[in-house]
Protein backbone atom coordinates (compact mmCIF):
# COMPACT_ATOMS: atom_id res chain seq x y z
CA UNK A 1 181.28 109.09 231.87
CA UNK A 2 182.92 109.78 235.04
CA UNK A 3 182.49 113.04 236.42
CA UNK A 4 185.76 112.32 238.32
CA UNK A 5 187.99 111.17 235.68
CA UNK A 6 186.17 112.41 232.37
CA UNK A 7 187.75 110.92 229.12
CA UNK A 8 188.69 113.20 226.12
CA UNK A 9 185.77 111.50 224.55
CA UNK A 10 183.41 112.72 227.26
CA UNK A 11 184.39 116.17 227.24
CA UNK A 12 184.24 116.39 223.32
CA UNK A 13 180.37 114.95 223.85
CA UNK A 14 179.92 117.86 226.28
CA UNK A 15 181.27 120.41 223.87
CA UNK A 16 179.09 119.40 221.30
CA UNK A 17 175.77 119.40 223.28
CA UNK A 18 177.02 122.75 224.40
CA UNK A 19 177.34 123.73 220.83
CA UNK A 20 174.42 122.32 219.78
CA UNK A 21 172.23 124.30 222.60
CA UNK A 22 173.97 127.58 221.84
CA UNK A 23 172.89 127.06 218.29
CA UNK A 24 169.27 125.97 219.24
CA UNK A 25 169.54 129.47 221.74
CA UNK A 26 170.84 131.46 218.66
CA UNK A 27 168.00 130.05 216.70
CA UNK A 28 165.22 131.09 219.20
CA UNK A 29 166.75 134.41 219.75
CA UNK A 30 166.75 135.09 215.72
CA UNK A 31 163.06 134.02 215.86
CA UNK A 32 162.24 136.17 218.79
CA UNK A 33 163.74 139.36 216.91
CA UNK A 34 161.84 138.47 213.70
CA UNK A 35 158.44 138.59 215.97
CA UNK A 36 159.49 141.78 217.68
CA UNK A 37 160.49 143.45 214.15
CA UNK A 38 156.94 142.00 212.89
CA UNK A 39 155.36 143.76 216.02
CA UNK A 40 157.32 146.93 215.66
CA UNK A 41 156.09 146.88 212.11
CA UNK A 42 152.54 146.47 212.96
CA UNK A 43 152.84 148.98 215.68
CA UNK A 44 154.12 151.41 212.98
CA UNK A 45 151.10 150.42 210.66
CA UNK A 46 148.65 151.17 213.46
CA UNK A 47 150.22 154.48 214.27
CA UNK A 48 149.98 155.67 210.87
CA UNK A 49 146.47 154.71 210.70
CA UNK A 50 145.44 156.49 213.97
CA UNK A 51 147.52 159.76 212.46
CA UNK A 52 145.17 159.42 209.48
CA UNK A 53 142.06 158.84 211.09
CA UNK A 54 143.11 161.63 213.56
CA UNK A 55 143.41 163.61 210.53
CA UNK A 56 140.15 162.96 208.80
CA UNK A 57 138.50 163.31 212.22
CA UNK A 58 139.81 166.79 212.67
CA UNK A 59 138.92 167.90 208.85
CA UNK A 60 135.28 166.75 209.53
CA UNK A 61 135.31 168.65 212.69
CA UNK A 62 136.46 171.80 210.95
CA UNK A 63 133.86 171.19 208.21
CA UNK A 64 131.01 170.73 210.78
CA UNK A 65 132.26 173.86 212.35
CA UNK A 66 132.08 175.75 208.85
CA UNK A 67 128.59 174.62 208.26
CA UNK A 68 127.38 175.45 211.89
CA UNK A 69 128.67 179.06 211.45
CA UNK A 70 127.21 179.48 207.97
CA UNK A 71 123.84 177.68 209.16
CA UNK A 72 123.93 180.10 212.39
CA UNK A 73 124.59 183.09 210.13
CA UNK A 74 121.59 182.32 207.93
CA UNK A 75 119.33 181.89 210.53
CA UNK A 76 120.55 185.04 212.28
CA UNK A 77 119.89 187.07 208.93
CA UNK A 78 116.28 185.53 208.41
CA UNK A 79 115.79 186.49 212.03
CA UNK A 80 116.92 190.04 211.28
CA UNK A 81 114.81 190.39 207.92
CA UNK A 82 111.87 189.25 209.84
CA UNK A 83 112.40 191.62 212.31
CA UNK A 84 112.37 194.20 209.87
CA UNK A 85 109.31 193.30 208.43
CA UNK A 86 107.79 193.72 211.54
CA UNK A 87 107.06 189.63 212.11
CA UNK A 88 107.92 188.21 215.32
CA UNK A 89 109.68 184.95 215.79
CA UNK A 90 107.33 181.99 216.42
CA UNK A 91 108.16 180.02 219.29
CA UNK A 92 110.31 176.95 218.83
CA UNK A 93 108.66 173.77 217.98
């Protein structure tokens, strides 16, 4: 093929090669898009699991706080009852 005087056949071959490259590029774009969609899906799943974990953590924290409050109230009641009986609190172990 002469660049100065391309034939119709030369131009047709260039057109075909360009078309082939565009098709390959389109295929790569589709593969890339598919990977992005998969990545996005994984991020959404990860976010959902994170929210579920955070919710469970908050529930555990609230339950622990409730149990701590109940235990503190019981300790205070026992201490008050012991005080009424005239018993002194023993030193912590």
